Structures are given as C-alpha cells and as structure tokens.
Amino acid sequence: MEDPGGKYSEDAAPVTRPVMTQVDRALSGQPTAYPCCACDGLTIVMLAAAMVWRGDNIVGAVVAETMSGAQSIAFAALESLLAMAAVLVVVGFGALLIFGWRLA
C-alpha cells in the first residue's frame, strides 16, 4: 500500500506494516506502541495497539494514533479557541436572558 498523502519520510516503514504488526501482536496478547516520523522532522506519530477481551478470550484489537509537534499544538489552540467562544456565547445569552427577564 502506498504512503497516504506523502506524510511519512522515505526511510520510515510503510504505514500499514506497523499497524498490522501491532494488531497481530495485540491479538496474540502483547500490547505494543510504535513511533513514526513525519516528513517535516518535527512531528512524531505514535501508534499503539491493545487487545480487547471477552471473558478469558481475546476477541479483537484496538489501534490508536496520536501525534506530537506543530499539528497537535494547532489542534489544541483551535480547541481552546472554540471552547472560549462557546463560553462567551453562553455568558452573552445568560446576560441577555437576565436583562430581558428584568424588563418583563
């Protein structure tokens, strides 16, 4: 499988190989984590896999991906901005509601 969008450097392993290796290990009972480097050299993508248990049997695997670096900082800043905007909307609505209630 090709590298989606050219996000990973040429010396890094293809994306599907680490994921499938982690899934295979998780299905055999061994949780794993694998770091991949992005082209920009600043972002590290961490892949982790763990098994899903039903009773005493492993029935599946969960794979999670997270990144560090400039992109995650941008996502955190956007999340903070949206949270602050939501708080301001709620406070403004509350102030208008109180003002309208006092007029009535």
PDB file of N, CA and C in Angstrom:
ATOM      1  N   MET A   1       0.850  -1.186   0.000  1.00  0.00           N
ATOM      2  CA  MET A   1       0.000   0.000   0.000  1.00  0.00           C
ATOM      3  C   MET A   1       0.885   1.235   0.000  1.00  0.00           C
ATOM      4  N   GLU A   2       0.456   2.247  -0.730  1.00  0.00           N
ATOM      5  CA  GLU A   2       1.230   3.478  -0.845  1.00  0.00           C
ATOM      6  C   GLU A   2       1.072   4.334   0.398  1.00  0.00           C
ATOM      7  N   ASP A   3       2.035   5.233   0.590  1.00  0.00           N
ATOM      8  CA  ASP A   3       2.001   6.172   1.705  1.00  0.00           C
ATOM      9  C   ASP A   3       0.903   7.195   1.441  1.00  0.00           C
ATOM     10  N   PRO A   4      -0.134   7.275   2.283  1.00  0.00           N
ATOM     11  CA  PRO A   4      -1.239   8.198   2.021  1.00  0.00           C
ATOM     12  C   PRO A   4      -0.823   9.648   2.182  1.00  0.00           C
ATOM     13  N   GLY A   5      -0.895  10.390   1.096  1.00  0.00           N
ATOM     14  CA  GLY A   5      -0.624  11.817   1.143  1.00  0.00           C
ATOM     15  C   GLY A   5       0.838  12.183   1.293  1.00  0.00           C
ATOM     16  N   GLY A   6       1.758  11.237   1.250  1.00  0.00           N
ATOM     17  CA  GLY A   6       3.176  11.530   1.389  1.00  0.00           C
ATOM     18  C   GLY A   6       3.539  12.114   2.730  1.00  0.00           C
ATOM     19  N   LYS A   7       2.866  11.716   3.804  1.00  0.00           N
ATOM     20  CA  LYS A   7       3.096  12.289   5.127  1.00  0.00           C
ATOM     21  C   LYS A   7       4.330  11.739   5.808  1.00  0.00           C
ATOM     22  N   TYR A   8       4.796  10.572   5.397  1.00  0.00           N
ATOM     23  CA  TYR A   8       5.879   9.917   6.103  1.00  0.00           C
ATOM     24  C   TYR A   8       7.143   9.942   5.256  1.00  0.00           C
ATOM     25  N   SER A   9       8.276   9.981   5.938  1.00  0.00           N
ATOM     26  CA  SER A   9       9.540  10.066   5.231  1.00  0.00           C
ATOM     27  C   SER A   9       9.843   8.752   4.517  1.00  0.00           C
ATOM     28  N   GLU A  10      10.759   8.815   3.568  1.00  0.00           N
ATOM     29  CA  GLU A  10      11.101   7.646   2.771  1.00  0.00           C
ATOM     30  C   GLU A  10      11.743   6.542   3.593  1.00  0.00           C
ATOM     31  N   ASP A  11      12.507   6.894   4.632  1.00  0.00           N
ATOM     32  CA  ASP A  11      13.182   5.874   5.423  1.00  0.00           C
ATOM     33  C   ASP A  11      12.266   5.244   6.468  1.00  0.00           C
ATOM     34  N   ALA A  12      11.073   5.814   6.672  1.00  0.00           N
ATOM     35  CA  ALA A  12      10.122   5.222   7.613  1.00  0.00           C
ATOM     36  C   ALA A  12       9.422   4.046   6.953  1.00  0.00           C
ATOM     37  N   ALA A  13       9.006   3.076   7.756  1.00  0.00           N
ATOM     38  CA  ALA A  13       8.296   1.916   7.232  1.00  0.00           C
ATOM     39  C   ALA A  13       6.925   2.355   6.730  1.00  0.00           C
ATOM     40  N   PRO A  14       6.369   1.643   5.744  1.00  0.00           N
ATOM     41  CA  PRO A  14       5.019   1.974   5.304  1.00  0.00           C
ATOM     42  C   PRO A  14       4.036   1.897   6.469  1.00  0.00           C
ATOM     43  N   VAL A  15       2.986   2.685   6.383  1.00  0.00           N
ATOM     44  CA  VAL A  15       2.056   2.833   7.494  1.00  0.00           C
ATOM     45  C   VAL A  15       1.358   1.518   7.819  1.00  0.00           C
ATOM     46  N   THR A  16       0.986   0.756   6.817  1.00  0.00           N
ATOM     47  CA  THR A  16       0.205  -0.455   7.080  1.00  0.00           C
ATOM     48  C   THR A  16       1.021  -1.522   7.784  1.00  0.00           C
ATOM     49  N   ARG A  17       2.307  -1.614   7.526  1.00  0.00           N
ATOM     50  CA  ARG A  17       3.130  -2.654   8.148  1.00  0.00           C
ATOM     51  C   ARG A  17       3.177  -2.515   9.673  1.00  0.00           C
ATOM     52  N   PRO A  18       3.469  -1.315  10.238  1.00  0.00           N
ATOM     53  CA  PRO A  18       3.469  -1.206  11.695  1.00  0.00           C
ATOM     54  C   PRO A  18       2.093  -1.457  12.308  1.00  0.00           C
ATOM     55  N   VAL A  19       1.050  -0.989  11.634  1.00  0.00           N
ATOM     56  CA  VAL A  19      -0.297  -1.177  12.170  1.00  0.00           C
ATOM     57  C   VAL A  19      -0.645  -2.654  12.202  1.00  0.00           C
ATOM     58  N   MET A  20      -0.402  -3.357  11.110  1.00  0.00           N
ATOM     59  CA  MET A  20      -0.749  -4.778  11.075  1.00  0.00           C
ATOM     60  C   MET A  20       0.118  -5.582  12.035  1.00  0.00           C
ATOM     61  N   THR A  21       1.391  -5.209  12.181  1.00  0.00           N
ATOM     62  CA  THR A  21       2.256  -5.884  13.147  1.00  0.00           C
ATOM     63  C   THR A  21       1.724  -5.682  14.555  1.00  0.00           C
ATOM     64  N   GLN A  22       1.303  -4.470  14.863  1.00  0.00           N
ATOM     65  CA  GLN A  22       0.758  -4.197  16.198  1.00  0.00           C
ATOM     66  C   GLN A  22      -0.548  -4.943  16.422  1.00  0.00           C
ATOM     67  N   VAL A  23      -1.385  -5.019  15.399  1.00  0.00           N
ATOM     68  CA  VAL A  23      -2.642  -5.758  15.539  1.00  0.00           C
ATOM     69  C   VAL A  23      -2.354  -7.234  15.779  1.00  0.00           C
ATOM     70  N   ASP A  24      -1.420  -7.797  15.018  1.00  0.00           N
ATOM     71  CA  ASP A  24      -1.062  -9.208  15.206  1.00  0.00           C
ATOM     72  C   ASP A  24      -0.539  -9.458  16.615  1.00  0.00           C
ATOM     73  N   ARG A  25       0.317  -8.574  17.108  1.00  0.00           N
ATOM     74  CA  ARG A  25       0.846  -8.742  18.467  1.00  0.00           C
ATOM     75  C   ARG A  25      -0.251  -8.586  19.507  1.00  0.00           C
ATOM     76  N   ALA A  26      -1.147  -7.614  19.296  1.00  0.00           N
ATOM     77  CA  ALA A  26      -2.243  -7.418  20.250  1.00  0.00           C
ATOM     78  C   ALA A  26      -3.160  -8.637  20.265  1.00  0.00           C
ATOM     79  N   LEU A  27      -3.428  -9.215  19.112  1.00  0.00           N
ATOM     80  CA  LEU A  27      -4.279 -10.405  19.056  1.00  0.00           C
ATOM     81  C   LEU A  27      -3.621 -11.611  19.714  1.00  0.00           C
ATOM     82  N   SER A  28      -2.284 -11.601  19.780  1.00  0.00           N
ATOM     83  CA  SER A  28      -1.602 -12.691  20.469  1.00  0.00           C
ATOM     84  C   SER A  28      -1.405 -12.394  21.955  1.00  0.00           C
ATOM     85  N   GLY A  29      -1.856 -11.208  22.428  1.00  0.00           N
ATOM     86  CA  GLY A  29      -1.823 -10.899  23.853  1.00  0.00           C
ATOM     87  C   GLY A  29      -0.740  -9.942  24.282  1.00  0.00           C
ATOM     88  N   GLN A  30      -0.065  -9.273  23.338  1.00  0.00           N
ATOM     89  CA  GLN A  30       1.033  -8.371  23.685  1.00  0.00           C
ATOM     90  C   GLN A  30       0.714  -6.956  23.189  1.00  0.00           C
ATOM     91  N   PRO A  31       0.392  -6.006  24.087  1.00  0.00           N
ATOM     92  CA  PRO A  31       0.155  -4.634  23.644  1.00  0.00           C
ATOM     93  C   PRO A  31       1.453  -3.987  23.157  1.00  0.00           C
ATOM     94  N   THR A  32       1.367  -3.115  22.151  1.00  0.00           N
ATOM     95  CA  THR A  32       2.567  -2.508  21.575  1.00  0.00           C
ATOM     96  C   THR A  32       2.362  -1.024  21.315  1.00  0.00           C
ATOM     97  N   ALA A  33       3.470  -0.331  21.098  1.00  0.00           N
ATOM     98  CA  ALA A  33       3.469   1.076  20.678  1.00  0.00           C
ATOM     99  C   ALA A  33       4.604   1.250  19.679  1.00  0.00           C
ATOM    100  N   TYR A  34       4.372   2.073  18.625  1.00  0.00           N
ATOM    101  CA  TYR A  34       5.352   2.244  17.555  1.00  0.00           C
ATOM    102  C   TYR A  34       5.370   3.698  17.102  1.00  0.00           C
ATOM    103  N   PRO A  35       6.532   4.377  17.173  1.00  0.00           N
ATOM    104  CA  PRO A  35       6.600   5.763  16.690  1.00  0.00           C
ATOM    105  C   PRO A  35       6.971   5.821  15.209  1.00  0.00           C
ATOM    106  N   CYS A  36       6.365   6.740  14.480  1.00  0.00           N
ATOM    107  CA  CYS A  36       6.707   7.016  13.077  1.00  0.00           C
ATOM    108  C   CYS A  36       7.049   8.495  12.964  1.00  0.00           C
ATOM    109  N   CYS A  37       7.980   8.837  12.094  1.00  0.00           N
ATOM    110  CA  CYS A  37       8.353  10.241  11.895  1.00  0.00           C
ATOM    111  C   CYS A  37       7.701  10.785  10.635  1.00  0.00           C
ATOM    112  N   ALA A  38       7.265  12.022  10.685  1.00  0.00           N
ATOM    113  CA  ALA A  38       6.692  12.691   9.523  1.00  0.00           C
ATOM    114  C   ALA A  38       7.801  13.371   8.735  1.00  0.00           C
ATOM    115  N   CYS A  39       7.484  13.805   7.532  1.00  0.00           N
ATOM    116  CA  CYS A  39       8.475  14.424   6.640  1.00  0.00           C
ATOM    117  C   CYS A  39       9.086  15.693   7.208  1.00  0.00           C
ATOM    118  N   ASP A  40       8.289  16.463   7.952  1.00  0.00           N
ATOM    119  CA  ASP A  40       8.782  17.739   8.441  1.00  0.00           C
ATOM    120  C   ASP A  40       9.837  17.585   9.525  1.00  0.00           C
ATOM    121  N   GLY A  41      10.002  16.390  10.069  1.00  0.00           N
ATOM    122  CA  GLY A  41      11.009  16.151  11.091  1.00  0.00           C
ATOM    123  C   GLY A  41      10.629  16.657  12.467  1.00  0.00           C
ATOM    124  N   LEU A  42       9.504  17.326  12.582  1.00  0.00           N
ATOM    125  CA  LEU A  42       9.071  17.872  13.859  1.00  0.00           C
ATOM    126  C   LEU A  42       7.924  17.080  14.478  1.00  0.00           C
ATOM    127  N   THR A  43       7.188  16.362  13.656  1.00  0.00           N
ATOM    128  CA  THR A  43       6.010  15.655  14.125  1.00  0.00           C
ATOM    129  C   THR A  43       6.302  14.173  14.269  1.00  0.00           C
ATOM    130  N   ILE A  44       5.933  13.633  15.403  1.00  0.00           N
ATOM    131  CA  ILE A  44       6.077  12.203  15.647  1.00  0.00           C
ATOM    132  C   ILE A  44       4.680  11.618  15.798  1.00  0.00           C
ATOM    133  N   VAL A  45       4.397  10.579  15.021  1.00  0.00           N
ATOM    134  CA  VAL A  45       3.109   9.906  15.095  1.00  0.00           C
ATOM    135  C   VAL A  45       3.320   8.629  15.902  1.00  0.00           C
ATOM    136  N   MET A  46       2.538   8.469  16.965  1.00  0.00           N
ATOM    137  CA  MET A  46       2.641   7.285  17.817  1.00  0.00           C
ATOM    138  C   MET A  46       1.440   6.388  17.570  1.00  0.00           C
ATOM    139  N   LEU A  47       1.703   5.145  17.184  1.00  0.00           N
ATOM    140  CA  LEU A  47       0.657   4.148  17.005  1.00  0.00           C
ATOM    141  C   LEU A  47       0.720   3.186  18.180  1.00  0.00           C
ATOM    142  N   ALA A  48      -0.426   2.851  18.752  1.00  0.00           N
ATOM    143  CA  ALA A  48      -0.474   1.913  19.872  1.00  0.00           C
ATOM    144  C   ALA A  48      -1.617   0.939  19.644  1.00  0.00           C
ATOM    145  N   ALA A  49      -1.420  -0.306  20.059  1.00  0.00           N
ATOM    146  CA  ALA A  49      -2.455  -1.333  19.914  1.00  0.00           C
ATOM    147  C   ALA A  49      -2.589  -2.096  21.221  1.00  0.00           C
ATOM    148  N   ALA A  50      -3.816  -2.436  21.546  1.00  0.00           N
ATOM    149  CA  ALA A  50      -4.101  -3.230  22.745  1.00  0.00           C
ATOM    150  C   ALA A  50      -5.205  -4.219  22.410  1.00  0.00           C
ATOM    151  N   MET A  51      -5.268  -5.280  23.192  1.00  0.00           N
ATOM    152  CA  MET A  51      -6.249  -6.310  22.911  1.00  0.00           C
ATOM    153  C   MET A  51      -7.591  -6.009  23.572  1.00  0.00           C
ATOM    154  N   VAL A  52      -8.653  -6.582  22.994  1.00  0.00           N
ATOM    155  CA  VAL A  52      -9.999  -6.479  23.526  1.00  0.00           C
ATOM    156  C   VAL A  52     -10.367  -7.855  24.066  1.00  0.00           C
ATOM    157  N   TRP A  53     -10.723  -7.891  25.339  1.00  0.00           N
ATOM    158  CA  TRP A  53     -11.017  -9.169  25.997  1.00  0.00           C
ATOM    159  C   TRP A  53     -12.519  -9.370  26.114  1.00  0.00           C
ATOM    160  N   ARG A  54     -12.961 -10.588  25.980  1.00  0.00           N
ATOM    161  CA  ARG A  54     -14.316 -11.007  26.335  1.00  0.00           C
ATOM    162  C   ARG A  54     -14.146 -12.251  27.189  1.00  0.00           C
ATOM    163  N   GLY A  55     -14.300 -12.055  28.483  1.00  0.00           N
ATOM    164  CA  GLY A  55     -14.025 -13.162  29.404  1.00  0.00           C
ATOM    165  C   GLY A  55     -12.533 -13.443  29.420  1.00  0.00           C
ATOM    166  N   ASP A  56     -12.151 -14.676  29.105  1.00  0.00           N
ATOM    167  CA  ASP A  56     -10.743 -15.058  29.047  1.00  0.00           C
ATOM    168  C   ASP A  56     -10.196 -15.084  27.635  1.00  0.00           C
ATOM    169  N   ASN A  57     -10.983 -14.684  26.656  1.00  0.00           N
ATOM    170  CA  ASN A  57     -10.564 -14.751  25.255  1.00  0.00           C
ATOM    171  C   ASN A  57     -10.298 -13.363  24.685  1.00  0.00           C
ATOM    172  N   ILE A  58      -9.313 -13.281  23.818  1.00  0.00           N
ATOM    173  CA  ILE A  58      -9.042 -12.046  23.076  1.00  0.00           C
ATOM    174  C   ILE A  58      -9.919 -12.086  21.832  1.00  0.00           C
ATOM    175  N   VAL A  59     -10.786 -11.078  21.684  1.00  0.00           N
ATOM    176  CA  VAL A  59     -11.721 -11.077  20.561  1.00  0.00           C
ATOM    177  C   VAL A  59     -11.407  -9.994  19.534  1.00  0.00           C
ATOM    178  N   GLY A  60     -10.467  -9.119  19.814  1.00  0.00           N
ATOM    179  CA  GLY A  60     -10.146  -8.059  18.869  1.00  0.00           C
ATOM    180  C   GLY A  60      -8.991  -7.219  19.344  1.00  0.00           C
ATOM    181  N   ALA A  61      -8.665  -6.214  18.548  1.00  0.00           N
ATOM    182  CA  ALA A  61      -7.582  -5.296  18.886  1.00  0.00           C
ATOM    183  C   ALA A  61      -8.036  -3.873  18.595  1.00  0.00           C
ATOM    184  N   VAL A  62      -7.559  -2.952  19.420  1.00  0.00           N
ATOM    185  CA  VAL A  62      -7.842  -1.531  19.240  1.00  0.00           C
ATOM    186  C   VAL A  62      -6.536  -0.842  18.892  1.00  0.00           C
ATOM    187  N   VAL A  63      -6.535  -0.063  17.817  1.00  0.00           N
ATOM    188  CA  VAL A  63      -5.349   0.685  17.401  1.00  0.00           C
ATOM    189  C   VAL A  63      -5.654   2.169  17.546  1.00  0.00           C
ATOM    190  N   ALA A  64      -4.777   2.894  18.237  1.00  0.00           N
ATOM    191  CA  ALA A  64      -4.936   4.338  18.432  1.00  0.00           C
ATOM    192  C   ALA A  64      -3.727   5.053  17.845  1.00  0.00           C
ATOM    193  N   GLU A  65      -3.964   6.249  17.317  1.00  0.00           N
ATOM    194  CA  GLU A  65      -2.896   7.038  16.713  1.00  0.00           C
ATOM    195  C   GLU A  65      -2.944   8.436  17.312  1.00  0.00           C
ATOM    196  N   THR A  66      -1.799   8.959  17.680  1.00  0.00           N
ATOM    197  CA  THR A  66      -1.712  10.324  18.180  1.00  0.00           C
ATOM    198  C   THR A  66      -0.453  10.963  17.612  1.00  0.00           C
ATOM    199  N   MET A  67      -0.432  12.278  17.572  1.00  0.00           N
ATOM    200  CA  MET A  67       0.740  12.958  17.027  1.00  0.00           C
ATOM    201  C   MET A  67       1.199  14.050  17.971  1.00  0.00           C
ATOM    202  N   SER A  68       2.467  14.367  17.874  1.00  0.00           N
ATOM    203  CA  SER A  68       3.030  15.470  18.653  1.00  0.00           C
ATOM    204  C   SER A  68       3.683  16.428  17.684  1.00  0.00           C
ATOM    205  N   GLY A  69       3.875  17.620  18.107  1.00  0.00           N
ATOM    206  CA  GLY A  69       4.529  18.600  17.248  1.00  0.00           C
ATOM    207  C   GLY A  69       3.608  19.739  16.892  1.00  0.00           C
ATOM    208  N   ALA A  70       3.898  20.392  15.788  1.00  0.00           N
ATOM    209  CA  ALA A  70       3.190  21.609  15.396  1.00  0.00           C
ATOM    210  C   ALA A  70       1.713  21.357  15.146  1.00  0.00           C
ATOM    211  N   GLN A  71       1.366  20.224  14.551  1.00  0.00           N
ATOM    212  CA  GLN A  71      -0.040  19.967  14.254  1.00  0.00           C
ATOM    213  C   GLN A  71      -0.853  19.791  15.527  1.00  0.00           C
ATOM    214  N   SER A  72      -0.321  19.069  16.500  1.00  0.00           N
ATOM    215  CA  SER A  72      -1.083  18.873  17.730  1.00  0.00           C
ATOM    216  C   SER A  72      -1.210  20.181  18.509  1.00  0.00           C
ATOM    217  N   ILE A  73      -0.212  21.049  18.425  1.00  0.00           N
ATOM    218  CA  ILE A  73      -0.306  22.361  19.077  1.00  0.00           C
ATOM    219  C   ILE A  73      -1.387  23.197  18.404  1.00  0.00           C
ATOM    220  N   ALA A  74      -1.468  23.122  17.079  1.00  0.00           N
ATOM    221  CA  ALA A  74      -2.504  23.853  16.351  1.00  0.00           C
ATOM    222  C   ALA A  74      -3.886  23.322  16.709  1.00  0.00           C
ATOM    223  N   PHE A  75      -4.028  22.008  16.826  1.00  0.00           N
ATOM    224  CA  PHE A  75      -5.317  21.436  17.212  1.00  0.00           C
ATOM    225  C   PHE A  75      -5.695  21.858  18.624  1.00  0.00           C
ATOM    226  N   ALA A  76      -4.743  21.885  19.534  1.00  0.00           N
ATOM    227  CA  ALA A  76      -5.012  22.308  20.908  1.00  0.00           C
ATOM    228  C   ALA A  76      -5.426  23.777  20.944  1.00  0.00           C
ATOM    229  N   ALA A  77      -4.776  24.621  20.142  1.00  0.00           N
ATOM    230  CA  ALA A  77      -5.125  26.038  20.092  1.00  0.00           C
ATOM    231  C   ALA A  77      -6.530  26.234  19.527  1.00  0.00           C
ATOM    232  N   LEU A  78      -6.868  25.479  18.486  1.00  0.00           N
ATOM    233  CA  LEU A  78      -8.207  25.570  17.908  1.00  0.00           C
ATOM    234  C   LEU A  78      -9.258  25.103  18.903  1.00  0.00           C
ATOM    235  N   GLU A  79      -8.975  24.024  19.616  1.00  0.00           N
ATOM    236  CA  GLU A  79      -9.904  23.527  20.626  1.00  0.00           C
ATOM    237  C   GLU A  79     -10.122  24.565  21.727  1.00  0.00           C
ATOM    238  N   SER A  80      -9.049  25.204  22.167  1.00  0.00           N
ATOM    239  CA  SER A  80      -9.150  26.233  23.192  1.00  0.00           C
ATOM    240  C   SER A  80      -9.963  27.428  22.692  1.00  0.00           C
ATOM    241  N   LEU A  81      -9.735  27.828  21.449  1.00  0.00           N
ATOM    242  CA  LEU A  81     -10.471  28.947  20.861  1.00  0.00           C
ATOM    243  C   LEU A  81     -11.960  28.635  20.777  1.00  0.00           C
ATOM    244  N   LEU A  82     -12.302  27.434  20.325  1.00  0.00           N
ATOM    245  CA  LEU A  82     -13.708  27.062  20.219  1.00  0.00           C
ATOM    246  C   LEU A  82     -14.368  26.963  21.592  1.00  0.00           C
ATOM    247  N   ALA A  83     -13.647  26.465  22.579  1.00  0.00           N
ATOM    248  CA  ALA A  83     -14.191  26.390  23.936  1.00  0.00           C
ATOM    249  C   ALA A  83     -14.446  27.793  24.488  1.00  0.00           C
ATOM    250  N   MET A  84     -13.517  28.706  24.264  1.00  0.00           N
ATOM    251  CA  MET A  84     -13.685  30.076  24.740  1.00  0.00           C
ATOM    252  C   MET A  84     -14.862  30.748  24.025  1.00  0.00           C
ATOM    253  N   ALA A  85     -15.021  30.519  22.738  1.00  0.00           N
ATOM    254  CA  ALA A  85     -16.152  31.092  22.005  1.00  0.00           C
ATOM    255  C   ALA A  85     -17.472  30.539  22.530  1.00  0.00           C
ATOM    256  N   ALA A  86     -17.514  29.252  22.844  1.00  0.00           N
ATOM    257  CA  ALA A  86     -18.737  28.655  23.391  1.00  0.00           C
ATOM    258  C   ALA A  86     -19.069  29.258  24.756  1.00  0.00           C
ATOM    259  N   VAL A  87     -18.070  29.467  25.590  1.00  0.00           N
ATOM    260  CA  VAL A  87     -18.290  30.076  26.902  1.00  0.00           C
ATOM    261  C   VAL A  87     -18.820  31.492  26.736  1.00  0.00           C
ATOM    262  N   LEU A  88     -18.243  32.252  25.827  1.00  0.00           N
ATOM    263  CA  LEU A  88     -18.704  33.623  25.598  1.00  0.00           C
ATOM    264  C   LEU A  88     -20.137  33.668  25.083  1.00  0.00           C
ATOM    265  N   VAL A  89     -20.519  32.745  24.221  1.00  0.00           N
ATOM    266  CA  VAL A  89     -21.889  32.685  23.718  1.00  0.00           C
ATOM    267  C   VAL A  89     -22.848  32.382  24.862  1.00  0.00           C
ATOM    268  N   VAL A  90     -22.496  31.428  25.717  1.00  0.00           N
ATOM    269  CA  VAL A  90     -23.360  31.069  26.845  1.00  0.00           C
ATOM    270  C   VAL A  90     -23.480  32.240  27.824  1.00  0.00           C
ATOM    271  N   VAL A  91     -22.376  32.905  28.130  1.00  0.00           N
ATOM    272  CA  VAL A  91     -22.414  34.051  29.041  1.00  0.00           C
ATOM    273  C   VAL A  91     -23.240  35.191  28.428  1.00  0.00           C
ATOM    274  N   GLY A  92     -23.049  35.466  27.155  1.00  0.00           N
ATOM    275  CA  GLY A  92     -23.830  36.508  26.481  1.00  0.00           C
ATOM    276  C   GLY A  92     -25.310  36.183  26.466  1.00  0.00           C
ATOM    277  N   PHE A  93     -25.654  34.925  26.196  1.00  0.00           N
ATOM    278  CA  PHE A  93     -27.055  34.514  26.223  1.00  0.00           C
ATOM    279  C   PHE A  93     -27.635  34.671  27.619  1.00  0.00           C
ATOM    280  N   GLY A  94     -26.866  34.294  28.624  1.00  0.00           N
ATOM    281  CA  GLY A  94     -27.322  34.450  30.010  1.00  0.00           C
ATOM    282  C   GLY A  94     -27.540  35.903  30.364  1.00  0.00           C
ATOM    283  N   ALA A  95     -26.631  36.770  29.943  1.00  0.00           N
ATOM    284  CA  ALA A  95     -26.777  38.203  30.237  1.00  0.00           C
ATOM    285  C   ALA A  95     -28.013  38.769  29.550  1.00  0.00           C
ATOM    286  N   LEU A  96     -28.243  38.408  28.292  1.00  0.00           N
ATOM    287  CA  LEU A  96     -29.440  38.877  27.591  1.00  0.00           C
ATOM    288  C   LEU A  96     -30.710  38.326  28.219  1.00  0.00           C
ATOM    289  N   LEU A  97     -30.679  37.089  28.672  1.00  0.00           N
ATOM    290  CA  LEU A  97     -31.838  36.489  29.307  1.00  0.00           C
ATOM    291  C   LEU A  97     -32.165  37.205  30.620  1.00  0.00           C
ATOM    292  N   ILE A  98     -31.159  37.500  31.417  1.00  0.00           N
ATOM    293  CA  ILE A  98     -31.363  38.219  32.682  1.00  0.00           C
ATOM    294  C   ILE A  98     -31.881  39.633  32.405  1.00  0.00           C
ATOM    295  N   PHE A  99     -31.305  40.312  31.413  1.00  0.00           N
ATOM    296  CA  PHE A  99     -31.744  41.662  31.067  1.00  0.00           C
ATOM    297  C   PHE A  99     -33.200  41.654  30.589  1.00  0.00           C
ATOM    298  N   GLY A 100     -33.553  40.685  29.742  1.00  0.00           N
ATOM    299  CA  GLY A 100     -34.927  40.585  29.253  1.00  0.00           C
ATOM    300  C   GLY A 100     -35.887  40.225  30.363  1.00  0.00           C
ATOM    301  N   TRP A 101     -35.459  39.398  31.287  1.00  0.00           N
ATOM    302  CA  TRP A 101     -36.308  38.997  32.400  1.00  0.00           C
ATOM    303  C   TRP A 101     -36.607  40.199  33.314  1.00  0.00           C
ATOM    304  N   ARG A 102     -35.603  41.053  33.498  1.00  0.00           N
ATOM    305  CA  ARG A 102     -35.794  42.238  34.348  1.00  0.00           C
ATOM    306  C   ARG A 102     -36.726  43.245  33.683  1.00  0.00           C
ATOM    307  N   LEU A 103     -36.743  43.278  32.348  1.00  0.00           N
ATOM    308  CA  LEU A 103     -37.636  44.206  31.648  1.00  0.00           C
ATOM    309  C   LEU A 103     -39.096  43.759  31.743  1.00  0.00           C
ATOM    310  N   ALA A 104     -39.307  42.465  31.827  1.00  0.00           N
ATOM    311  CA  ALA A 104     -40.681  41.947  31.834  1.00  0.00           C
ATOM    312  C   ALA A 104     -41.382  42.107  33.146  1.00  0.00           C
TER     313      ALA A 104
END
